Amino acid sequence: MSENVSGGTGGASGGSNSAPLTKTARQQKIIDLITRQSVRSQIELAEALATDGITVTQATLSRDLAEVGAVKIRSTAGSVYAVPGEGGDRSLQQSTGESLDAKLPRILEELLVSAVAQDNMVVLRTPPGAAQYLASAIDRSSMTGIFGTLAGDDTVLVIADSSVGGETVAETFLEYAAGGLAEG
């Protein structure tokens, strides 16, 4: 079985390392695209994947959409793809244009206890049990300057791009938590 698949760059901020192009990585990219933007057709989705350096056949894309549970629904943007939510949330998720980015400041307002930076790292403290939820919101936002996150029970380690630095990222998180910024 042969598939026409090529790799792209990894990291939300365009890091120099490549993400492994596994089926799981490709399907996660499809989910990310569907939840971040309105995708009306398989052709549109294939073009968005190609922009990220991932080329797939129509048959592979069709199988991937079925495996991630994507369905077409009617929305204000017309007929678009949606995917089930993560974890216990099985409601359909689609791009609303503002959903992920509007949530991050609200989540930070509710959950951020402290933010401390050193070099290009930021340690965020949350109430017990909230760190993974916050890390996921950061990972899924379009916030620039973030290389990645790692979460425990009440602590999130955020690795900032070296060009941005941890202090700038920590200040941004603190401003969001204080209600001083609206991401966009």
N, C-alpha and C. Protein backbone atom coordinates (compact mmCIF):
# COMPACT_ATOMS: atom_id res chain seq x y z
N MET A 1 0.86 -1.17 0.00
CA MET A 1 0.00 0.00 0.00
C MET A 1 0.90 1.23 0.00
N SER A 2 0.73 2.07 -0.96
CA SER A 2 1.59 3.24 -1.11
C SER A 2 0.78 4.51 -0.95
N GLU A 3 1.35 5.43 -0.18
CA GLU A 3 0.68 6.72 0.01
C GLU A 3 1.63 7.82 -0.40
N ASN A 4 1.09 8.88 -0.96
CA ASN A 4 1.88 10.02 -1.36
C ASN A 4 1.91 11.00 -0.20
N VAL A 5 2.88 10.83 0.70
CA VAL A 5 2.94 11.64 1.90
C VAL A 5 4.35 12.18 2.05
N SER A 6 4.46 13.48 2.32
CA SER A 6 5.78 14.06 2.58
C SER A 6 5.72 14.87 3.86
N GLY A 7 6.86 15.07 4.49
CA GLY A 7 6.91 15.72 5.80
C GLY A 7 6.88 17.23 5.72
N GLY A 8 6.53 17.84 6.85
CA GLY A 8 6.52 19.29 7.00
C GLY A 8 7.34 19.68 8.21
N THR A 9 7.34 20.94 8.54
CA THR A 9 8.06 21.39 9.71
C THR A 9 7.18 21.27 10.91
N GLY A 10 7.80 21.06 12.06
CA GLY A 10 7.04 20.89 13.28
C GLY A 10 7.11 22.13 14.14
N GLY A 11 6.31 22.14 15.19
CA GLY A 11 6.32 23.26 16.14
C GLY A 11 5.40 24.36 15.69
N ALA A 12 4.67 24.92 16.61
CA ALA A 12 3.74 25.98 16.30
C ALA A 12 4.45 27.23 15.84
N SER A 13 5.74 27.33 16.16
CA SER A 13 6.46 28.55 15.82
C SER A 13 7.50 28.32 14.76
N GLY A 14 7.38 27.21 14.00
CA GLY A 14 8.29 27.00 12.88
C GLY A 14 9.67 26.59 13.30
N GLY A 15 9.81 25.72 14.28
CA GLY A 15 11.11 25.25 14.72
C GLY A 15 11.84 24.56 13.59
N SER A 16 13.15 24.34 13.76
CA SER A 16 13.95 23.77 12.70
C SER A 16 13.83 22.26 12.64
N ASN A 17 13.28 21.62 13.67
CA ASN A 17 13.12 20.17 13.66
C ASN A 17 11.84 19.80 12.95
N SER A 18 11.84 18.62 12.31
CA SER A 18 10.64 18.14 11.66
C SER A 18 9.84 17.28 12.60
N ALA A 19 8.52 17.37 12.48
CA ALA A 19 7.65 16.48 13.23
C ALA A 19 7.63 15.15 12.48
N PRO A 20 7.57 14.04 13.18
CA PRO A 20 7.48 12.77 12.46
C PRO A 20 6.16 12.72 11.72
N LEU A 21 6.19 12.29 10.48
CA LEU A 21 4.94 12.26 9.73
C LEU A 21 4.33 10.88 9.85
N THR A 22 3.78 10.63 11.00
CA THR A 22 3.06 9.39 11.24
C THR A 22 1.60 9.63 10.92
N LYS A 23 0.86 8.55 10.85
CA LYS A 23 -0.58 8.66 10.63
C LYS A 23 -1.21 9.49 11.74
N THR A 24 -0.79 9.27 12.98
CA THR A 24 -1.34 10.00 14.12
C THR A 24 -1.04 11.49 14.01
N ALA A 25 0.21 11.84 13.64
CA ALA A 25 0.57 13.25 13.50
C ALA A 25 -0.24 13.91 12.38
N ARG A 26 -0.41 13.20 11.28
CA ARG A 26 -1.19 13.74 10.16
C ARG A 26 -2.65 13.95 10.57
N GLN A 27 -3.22 12.97 11.28
CA GLN A 27 -4.61 13.09 11.71
C GLN A 27 -4.79 14.21 12.73
N GLN A 28 -3.81 14.41 13.62
CA GLN A 28 -3.89 15.52 14.57
C GLN A 28 -3.85 16.86 13.83
N LYS A 29 -3.04 16.94 12.77
CA LYS A 29 -2.98 18.17 11.97
C LYS A 29 -4.33 18.44 11.32
N ILE A 30 -5.00 17.39 10.86
CA ILE A 30 -6.33 17.53 10.26
C ILE A 30 -7.31 18.06 11.30
N ILE A 31 -7.29 17.49 12.50
CA ILE A 31 -8.16 17.96 13.58
C ILE A 31 -7.88 19.43 13.89
N ASP A 32 -6.59 19.78 13.99
CA ASP A 32 -6.22 21.17 14.28
C ASP A 32 -6.75 22.12 13.20
N LEU A 33 -6.60 21.74 11.94
CA LEU A 33 -7.08 22.59 10.85
C LEU A 33 -8.60 22.76 10.90
N ILE A 34 -9.31 21.67 11.14
CA ILE A 34 -10.78 21.74 11.18
C ILE A 34 -11.26 22.60 12.34
N THR A 35 -10.57 22.53 13.49
CA THR A 35 -11.03 23.31 14.64
C THR A 35 -10.54 24.76 14.59
N ARG A 36 -9.53 25.06 13.80
CA ARG A 36 -9.00 26.43 13.72
C ARG A 36 -9.56 27.24 12.57
N GLN A 37 -10.02 26.57 11.51
CA GLN A 37 -10.54 27.31 10.36
C GLN A 37 -11.70 26.54 9.75
N SER A 38 -12.54 27.23 9.01
CA SER A 38 -13.66 26.58 8.34
C SER A 38 -13.13 25.83 7.13
N VAL A 39 -13.33 24.52 7.12
CA VAL A 39 -12.90 23.68 6.00
C VAL A 39 -14.16 23.15 5.33
N ARG A 40 -14.35 23.52 4.07
CA ARG A 40 -15.58 23.20 3.36
C ARG A 40 -15.50 21.93 2.52
N SER A 41 -14.28 21.51 2.14
CA SER A 41 -14.15 20.36 1.25
C SER A 41 -12.84 19.64 1.48
N GLN A 42 -12.75 18.41 0.96
CA GLN A 42 -11.51 17.67 1.05
C GLN A 42 -10.40 18.35 0.26
N ILE A 43 -10.76 18.97 -0.83
CA ILE A 43 -9.76 19.69 -1.64
C ILE A 43 -9.18 20.85 -0.83
N GLU A 44 -10.04 21.60 -0.16
CA GLU A 44 -9.59 22.71 0.68
C GLU A 44 -8.70 22.21 1.81
N LEU A 45 -9.06 21.08 2.41
CA LEU A 45 -8.26 20.50 3.47
C LEU A 45 -6.91 20.02 2.94
N ALA A 46 -6.91 19.38 1.79
CA ALA A 46 -5.65 18.91 1.18
C ALA A 46 -4.72 20.09 0.88
N GLU A 47 -5.31 21.20 0.41
CA GLU A 47 -4.50 22.40 0.13
C GLU A 47 -3.90 22.97 1.42
N ALA A 48 -4.69 22.99 2.50
CA ALA A 48 -4.19 23.49 3.79
C ALA A 48 -3.08 22.59 4.31
N LEU A 49 -3.24 21.28 4.16
CA LEU A 49 -2.18 20.35 4.57
C LEU A 49 -0.92 20.56 3.72
N ALA A 50 -1.10 20.75 2.42
CA ALA A 50 0.04 20.96 1.52
C ALA A 50 0.80 22.23 1.90
N THR A 51 0.08 23.26 2.35
CA THR A 51 0.72 24.50 2.80
C THR A 51 1.66 24.21 3.96
N ASP A 52 1.31 23.21 4.78
CA ASP A 52 2.15 22.81 5.91
C ASP A 52 3.14 21.72 5.52
N GLY A 53 3.26 21.42 4.23
CA GLY A 53 4.23 20.45 3.77
C GLY A 53 3.78 19.01 3.85
N ILE A 54 2.47 18.78 3.98
CA ILE A 54 1.95 17.42 4.07
C ILE A 54 1.08 17.16 2.84
N THR A 55 1.52 16.22 2.01
CA THR A 55 0.79 15.88 0.80
C THR A 55 0.15 14.51 0.99
N VAL A 56 -1.15 14.43 0.76
CA VAL A 56 -1.86 13.16 0.91
C VAL A 56 -2.73 12.91 -0.31
N THR A 57 -3.00 11.65 -0.57
CA THR A 57 -3.93 11.31 -1.64
C THR A 57 -5.35 11.54 -1.15
N GLN A 58 -6.27 11.61 -2.08
CA GLN A 58 -7.67 11.80 -1.71
C GLN A 58 -8.16 10.61 -0.90
N ALA A 59 -7.73 9.41 -1.25
CA ALA A 59 -8.17 8.20 -0.53
C ALA A 59 -7.67 8.23 0.92
N THR A 60 -6.42 8.63 1.12
CA THR A 60 -5.87 8.72 2.48
C THR A 60 -6.61 9.78 3.28
N LEU A 61 -6.87 10.92 2.67
CA LEU A 61 -7.57 12.00 3.36
C LEU A 61 -8.98 11.56 3.74
N SER A 62 -9.65 10.87 2.85
CA SER A 62 -11.00 10.38 3.13
C SER A 62 -10.99 9.39 4.30
N ARG A 63 -10.02 8.47 4.33
CA ARG A 63 -9.89 7.52 5.44
C ARG A 63 -9.59 8.25 6.75
N ASP A 64 -8.67 9.24 6.69
CA ASP A 64 -8.32 10.00 7.89
C ASP A 64 -9.53 10.73 8.46
N LEU A 65 -10.32 11.35 7.59
CA LEU A 65 -11.51 12.06 8.05
C LEU A 65 -12.49 11.12 8.73
N ALA A 66 -12.66 9.93 8.17
CA ALA A 66 -13.56 8.95 8.78
C ALA A 66 -13.01 8.48 10.13
N GLU A 67 -11.70 8.25 10.21
CA GLU A 67 -11.10 7.74 11.45
C GLU A 67 -11.12 8.76 12.58
N VAL A 68 -11.01 10.06 12.27
CA VAL A 68 -11.06 11.08 13.33
C VAL A 68 -12.51 11.47 13.66
N GLY A 69 -13.47 10.89 12.93
CA GLY A 69 -14.87 11.15 13.22
C GLY A 69 -15.39 12.45 12.63
N ALA A 70 -14.71 12.99 11.62
CA ALA A 70 -15.14 14.26 11.02
C ALA A 70 -16.44 14.06 10.25
N VAL A 71 -17.32 15.01 10.40
CA VAL A 71 -18.59 15.02 9.67
C VAL A 71 -18.83 16.42 9.13
N LYS A 72 -19.65 16.48 8.10
CA LYS A 72 -20.02 17.79 7.56
C LYS A 72 -21.28 18.27 8.26
N ILE A 73 -21.25 19.53 8.67
CA ILE A 73 -22.41 20.14 9.32
C ILE A 73 -22.72 21.47 8.66
N ARG A 74 -23.91 21.96 8.86
CA ARG A 74 -24.28 23.28 8.36
C ARG A 74 -23.88 24.31 9.40
N SER A 75 -23.27 25.39 8.95
CA SER A 75 -22.89 26.48 9.85
C SER A 75 -23.15 27.80 9.14
N THR A 76 -22.80 28.88 9.81
CA THR A 76 -22.96 30.20 9.19
C THR A 76 -22.05 30.36 7.99
N ALA A 77 -20.98 29.55 7.93
CA ALA A 77 -20.04 29.60 6.80
C ALA A 77 -20.46 28.63 5.70
N GLY A 78 -21.62 27.99 5.83
CA GLY A 78 -22.06 26.99 4.87
C GLY A 78 -21.81 25.60 5.44
N SER A 79 -21.61 24.64 4.56
CA SER A 79 -21.35 23.26 4.98
C SER A 79 -19.86 23.11 5.26
N VAL A 80 -19.50 22.76 6.51
CA VAL A 80 -18.09 22.65 6.91
C VAL A 80 -17.88 21.36 7.70
N TYR A 81 -16.61 20.95 7.77
CA TYR A 81 -16.26 19.78 8.58
C TYR A 81 -16.20 20.15 10.05
N ALA A 82 -16.56 19.19 10.90
CA ALA A 82 -16.44 19.32 12.35
C ALA A 82 -15.95 17.98 12.88
N VAL A 83 -15.27 18.00 14.03
CA VAL A 83 -14.76 16.78 14.66
C VAL A 83 -15.25 16.72 16.10
N PRO A 84 -15.35 15.50 16.66
CA PRO A 84 -15.75 15.39 18.06
C PRO A 84 -14.72 16.05 18.97
N GLY A 85 -15.16 16.57 20.12
CA GLY A 85 -14.26 17.17 21.09
C GLY A 85 -13.36 16.13 21.74
N GLU A 86 -12.41 16.60 22.54
CA GLU A 86 -11.46 15.72 23.20
C GLU A 86 -12.00 15.24 24.53
N GLY A 87 -11.44 14.15 25.02
CA GLY A 87 -11.81 13.64 26.33
C GLY A 87 -13.27 13.27 26.39
N GLY A 88 -13.94 13.70 27.45
CA GLY A 88 -15.35 13.38 27.64
C GLY A 88 -16.27 14.23 26.80
N ASP A 89 -15.75 15.31 26.21
CA ASP A 89 -16.57 16.20 25.39
C ASP A 89 -16.67 15.63 23.99
N ARG A 90 -17.77 15.00 23.66
CA ARG A 90 -17.95 14.41 22.34
C ARG A 90 -18.78 15.30 21.43
N SER A 91 -19.05 16.55 21.86
CA SER A 91 -19.79 17.46 21.00
C SER A 91 -18.91 17.84 19.82
N LEU A 92 -19.54 18.17 18.70
CA LEU A 92 -18.78 18.49 17.50
C LEU A 92 -18.07 19.83 17.65
N GLN A 93 -16.80 19.84 17.22
CA GLN A 93 -15.98 21.04 17.30
C GLN A 93 -15.69 21.51 15.88
N GLN A 94 -15.91 22.77 15.65
CA GLN A 94 -15.60 23.37 14.36
C GLN A 94 -15.03 24.74 14.61
N SER A 95 -14.47 25.30 13.58
CA SER A 95 -13.91 26.63 13.71
C SER A 95 -15.03 27.64 13.92
N THR A 96 -14.85 28.51 14.91
CA THR A 96 -15.79 29.61 15.08
C THR A 96 -15.08 30.93 14.83
N GLY A 97 -13.80 30.84 14.46
CA GLY A 97 -13.04 32.05 14.19
C GLY A 97 -12.41 32.63 15.43
N GLU A 98 -13.05 32.45 16.59
CA GLU A 98 -12.51 33.04 17.80
C GLU A 98 -12.43 32.07 18.96
N SER A 99 -12.94 30.89 18.79
CA SER A 99 -13.13 30.00 19.93
C SER A 99 -11.87 29.74 20.74
N LEU A 100 -10.81 29.25 20.12
CA LEU A 100 -9.62 28.90 20.88
C LEU A 100 -8.93 30.13 21.45
N ASP A 101 -8.79 31.15 20.65
CA ASP A 101 -8.06 32.33 21.08
C ASP A 101 -8.83 33.16 22.10
N ALA A 102 -10.14 33.15 22.02
CA ALA A 102 -10.92 33.89 23.00
C ALA A 102 -10.94 33.16 24.34
N LYS A 103 -10.79 31.84 24.30
CA LYS A 103 -10.82 31.07 25.53
C LYS A 103 -9.56 31.23 26.36
N LEU A 104 -8.40 31.38 25.73
CA LEU A 104 -7.14 31.40 26.48
C LEU A 104 -7.10 32.50 27.53
N PRO A 105 -7.43 33.76 27.22
CA PRO A 105 -7.43 34.77 28.28
C PRO A 105 -8.39 34.44 29.42
N ARG A 106 -9.57 33.92 29.08
CA ARG A 106 -10.53 33.55 30.13
C ARG A 106 -10.00 32.42 30.99
N ILE A 107 -9.38 31.43 30.36
CA ILE A 107 -8.82 30.30 31.11
C ILE A 107 -7.69 30.78 32.02
N LEU A 108 -6.83 31.68 31.50
CA LEU A 108 -5.75 32.23 32.31
C LEU A 108 -6.31 33.03 33.49
N GLU A 109 -7.36 33.80 33.25
CA GLU A 109 -7.99 34.57 34.34
C GLU A 109 -8.46 33.64 35.45
N GLU A 110 -8.99 32.49 35.07
CA GLU A 110 -9.54 31.56 36.05
C GLU A 110 -8.49 30.69 36.72
N LEU A 111 -7.43 30.32 35.99
CA LEU A 111 -6.53 29.28 36.49
C LEU A 111 -5.12 29.71 36.85
N LEU A 112 -4.63 30.82 36.31
CA LEU A 112 -3.23 31.18 36.55
C LEU A 112 -3.03 31.72 37.96
N VAL A 113 -2.16 31.03 38.71
CA VAL A 113 -1.81 31.45 40.06
C VAL A 113 -0.54 32.29 40.02
N SER A 114 0.46 31.85 39.24
CA SER A 114 1.69 32.62 39.10
C SER A 114 2.39 32.24 37.81
N ALA A 115 3.29 33.12 37.37
CA ALA A 115 4.10 32.88 36.17
C ALA A 115 5.50 33.41 36.46
N VAL A 116 6.50 32.53 36.37
CA VAL A 116 7.88 32.90 36.63
C VAL A 116 8.72 32.46 35.44
N ALA A 117 9.60 33.35 34.97
CA ALA A 117 10.42 33.05 33.79
C ALA A 117 11.89 32.95 34.14
N GLN A 118 12.58 32.10 33.39
CA GLN A 118 14.03 32.03 33.43
C GLN A 118 14.49 31.63 32.04
N ASP A 119 15.37 32.43 31.46
CA ASP A 119 15.84 32.21 30.09
C ASP A 119 14.64 32.13 29.15
N ASN A 120 14.50 30.99 28.43
CA ASN A 120 13.36 30.87 27.51
C ASN A 120 12.28 29.95 28.07
N MET A 121 12.27 29.77 29.39
CA MET A 121 11.26 28.91 30.02
C MET A 121 10.38 29.72 30.97
N VAL A 122 9.13 29.29 31.07
CA VAL A 122 8.17 29.92 31.97
C VAL A 122 7.50 28.80 32.77
N VAL A 123 7.43 28.97 34.07
CA VAL A 123 6.72 28.02 34.93
C VAL A 123 5.42 28.69 35.36
N LEU A 124 4.31 28.06 34.99
CA LEU A 124 2.99 28.55 35.35
C LEU A 124 2.44 27.66 36.45
N ARG A 125 1.89 28.26 37.48
CA ARG A 125 1.26 27.51 38.57
C ARG A 125 -0.25 27.66 38.45
N THR A 126 -0.96 26.57 38.70
CA THR A 126 -2.41 26.53 38.64
C THR A 126 -2.94 25.85 39.89
N PRO A 127 -4.24 25.88 40.12
CA PRO A 127 -4.81 25.05 41.19
C PRO A 127 -4.56 23.57 40.85
N PRO A 128 -4.56 22.69 41.85
CA PRO A 128 -4.36 21.27 41.59
C PRO A 128 -5.33 20.72 40.54
N GLY A 129 -4.78 19.95 39.60
CA GLY A 129 -5.60 19.32 38.58
C GLY A 129 -5.87 20.15 37.35
N ALA A 130 -5.41 21.40 37.30
CA ALA A 130 -5.76 22.29 36.19
C ALA A 130 -4.65 22.49 35.17
N ALA A 131 -3.45 22.01 35.46
CA ALA A 131 -2.30 22.31 34.59
C ALA A 131 -2.44 21.74 33.18
N GLN A 132 -2.92 20.51 33.05
CA GLN A 132 -3.02 19.92 31.72
C GLN A 132 -4.07 20.64 30.87
N TYR A 133 -5.14 21.07 31.49
CA TYR A 133 -6.16 21.84 30.78
C TYR A 133 -5.59 23.16 30.26
N LEU A 134 -4.83 23.86 31.11
CA LEU A 134 -4.22 25.12 30.70
C LEU A 134 -3.19 24.89 29.60
N ALA A 135 -2.36 23.86 29.75
CA ALA A 135 -1.34 23.57 28.73
C ALA A 135 -1.99 23.28 27.38
N SER A 136 -3.07 22.53 27.40
CA SER A 136 -3.78 22.23 26.16
C SER A 136 -4.33 23.50 25.51
N ALA A 137 -4.87 24.40 26.31
CA ALA A 137 -5.39 25.66 25.78
C ALA A 137 -4.27 26.50 25.16
N ILE A 138 -3.10 26.50 25.80
CA ILE A 138 -1.95 27.23 25.25
C ILE A 138 -1.51 26.61 23.94
N ASP A 139 -1.41 25.27 23.93
CA ASP A 139 -0.98 24.56 22.72
C ASP A 139 -1.92 24.80 21.55
N ARG A 140 -3.21 24.89 21.83
CA ARG A 140 -4.20 25.01 20.76
C ARG A 140 -4.46 26.45 20.35
N SER A 141 -3.93 27.41 21.09
CA SER A 141 -4.14 28.82 20.72
C SER A 141 -3.18 29.20 19.59
N SER A 142 -3.40 30.36 19.02
CA SER A 142 -2.51 30.83 17.96
C SER A 142 -1.44 31.77 18.52
N MET A 143 -1.26 31.75 19.82
CA MET A 143 -0.27 32.61 20.46
C MET A 143 1.12 32.31 19.90
N THR A 144 1.81 33.35 19.49
CA THR A 144 3.14 33.18 18.93
C THR A 144 4.20 33.22 20.03
N GLY A 145 5.36 32.70 19.72
CA GLY A 145 6.47 32.72 20.66
C GLY A 145 6.52 31.52 21.58
N ILE A 146 5.63 30.54 21.38
CA ILE A 146 5.60 29.35 22.22
C ILE A 146 6.15 28.17 21.42
N PHE A 147 7.17 27.51 21.96
CA PHE A 147 7.73 26.34 21.32
C PHE A 147 6.96 25.09 21.73
N GLY A 148 6.54 25.02 23.01
CA GLY A 148 5.78 23.87 23.48
C GLY A 148 5.50 23.97 24.96
N THR A 149 4.69 23.03 25.47
CA THR A 149 4.35 23.01 26.89
C THR A 149 4.50 21.59 27.42
N LEU A 150 4.66 21.50 28.74
CA LEU A 150 4.70 20.24 29.45
C LEU A 150 3.96 20.46 30.75
N ALA A 151 2.98 19.60 31.06
CA ALA A 151 2.13 19.84 32.22
C ALA A 151 2.16 18.69 33.21
N GLY A 152 2.09 19.05 34.47
CA GLY A 152 1.92 18.10 35.55
C GLY A 152 0.53 18.29 36.13
N ASP A 153 0.41 18.19 37.44
CA ASP A 153 -0.87 18.35 38.11
C ASP A 153 -1.23 19.82 38.31
N ASP A 154 -0.27 20.61 38.82
CA ASP A 154 -0.53 22.02 39.10
C ASP A 154 0.54 22.95 38.53
N THR A 155 1.37 22.42 37.62
CA THR A 155 2.47 23.19 37.05
C THR A 155 2.56 22.96 35.55
N VAL A 156 2.73 24.05 34.81
CA VAL A 156 2.95 23.97 33.36
C VAL A 156 4.31 24.57 33.07
N LEU A 157 5.15 23.84 32.35
CA LEU A 157 6.41 24.37 31.86
C LEU A 157 6.18 24.80 30.42
N VAL A 158 6.36 26.07 30.15
CA VAL A 158 6.21 26.61 28.80
C VAL A 158 7.60 26.92 28.29
N ILE A 159 7.93 26.40 27.12
CA ILE A 159 9.21 26.71 26.51
C ILE A 159 8.94 27.73 25.41
N ALA A 160 9.54 28.89 25.58
CA ALA A 160 9.34 29.98 24.62
C ALA A 160 10.40 29.90 23.54
N ASP A 161 10.10 30.46 22.38
CA ASP A 161 11.11 30.60 21.34
C ASP A 161 12.25 31.44 21.89
N SER A 162 13.47 31.08 21.55
CA SER A 162 14.61 31.82 22.07
C SER A 162 14.60 33.27 21.59
N SER A 163 13.99 33.53 20.43
CA SER A 163 13.93 34.91 19.92
C SER A 163 12.96 35.77 20.73
N VAL A 164 12.01 35.14 21.42
CA VAL A 164 11.02 35.87 22.20
C VAL A 164 11.44 35.96 23.66
N GLY A 165 11.85 34.83 24.21
CA GLY A 165 12.28 34.80 25.60
C GLY A 165 11.15 34.56 26.57
N GLY A 166 11.48 33.92 27.67
CA GLY A 166 10.49 33.56 28.67
C GLY A 166 9.86 34.74 29.37
N GLU A 167 10.64 35.80 29.61
CA GLU A 167 10.11 36.96 30.34
C GLU A 167 8.95 37.60 29.59
N THR A 168 9.08 37.74 28.27
CA THR A 168 8.01 38.33 27.45
C THR A 168 6.76 37.46 27.50
N VAL A 169 6.94 36.15 27.39
CA VAL A 169 5.81 35.23 27.41
C VAL A 169 5.13 35.25 28.78
N ALA A 170 5.91 35.26 29.85
CA ALA A 170 5.35 35.30 31.20
C ALA A 170 4.54 36.58 31.40
N GLU A 171 5.08 37.71 30.95
CA GLU A 171 4.36 38.97 31.08
C GLU A 171 3.04 38.94 30.32
N THR A 172 3.05 38.33 29.12
CA THR A 172 1.82 38.22 28.33
C THR A 172 0.78 37.39 29.07
N PHE A 173 1.21 36.24 29.63
CA PHE A 173 0.27 35.40 30.39
C PHE A 173 -0.30 36.17 31.57
N LEU A 174 0.53 36.89 32.29
CA LEU A 174 0.07 37.65 33.45
C LEU A 174 -0.90 38.76 33.05
N GLU A 175 -0.65 39.40 31.91
CA GLU A 175 -1.57 40.44 31.43
C GLU A 175 -2.91 39.83 31.02
N TYR A 176 -2.89 38.65 30.37
CA TYR A 176 -4.14 37.96 30.03
C TYR A 176 -4.90 37.65 31.32
N ALA A 177 -4.19 37.10 32.31
CA ALA A 177 -4.83 36.71 33.57
C ALA A 177 -5.44 37.90 34.29
N ALA A 178 -4.83 39.07 34.14
CA ALA A 178 -5.35 40.28 34.79
C ALA A 178 -6.47 40.92 33.95
N GLY A 179 -6.76 40.34 32.78
CA GLY A 179 -7.81 40.88 31.93
C GLY A 179 -7.35 42.06 31.10
N GLY A 180 -6.02 42.24 30.97
CA GLY A 180 -5.49 43.41 30.28
C GLY A 180 -5.30 43.25 28.79
N LEU A 181 -5.38 42.04 28.26
CA LEU A 181 -5.19 41.82 26.83
C LEU A 181 -6.33 40.97 26.29
N ALA A 182 -6.62 41.16 25.04
CA ALA A 182 -7.54 40.27 24.33
C ALA A 182 -6.75 39.69 23.19
N GLU A 183 -6.57 38.35 23.20
CA GLU A 183 -5.73 37.73 22.18
C GLU A 183 -6.38 37.88 20.82
N GLY A 184 -5.54 38.04 19.81
CA GLY A 184 -6.08 38.14 18.46
C GLY A 184 -5.06 38.55 17.58
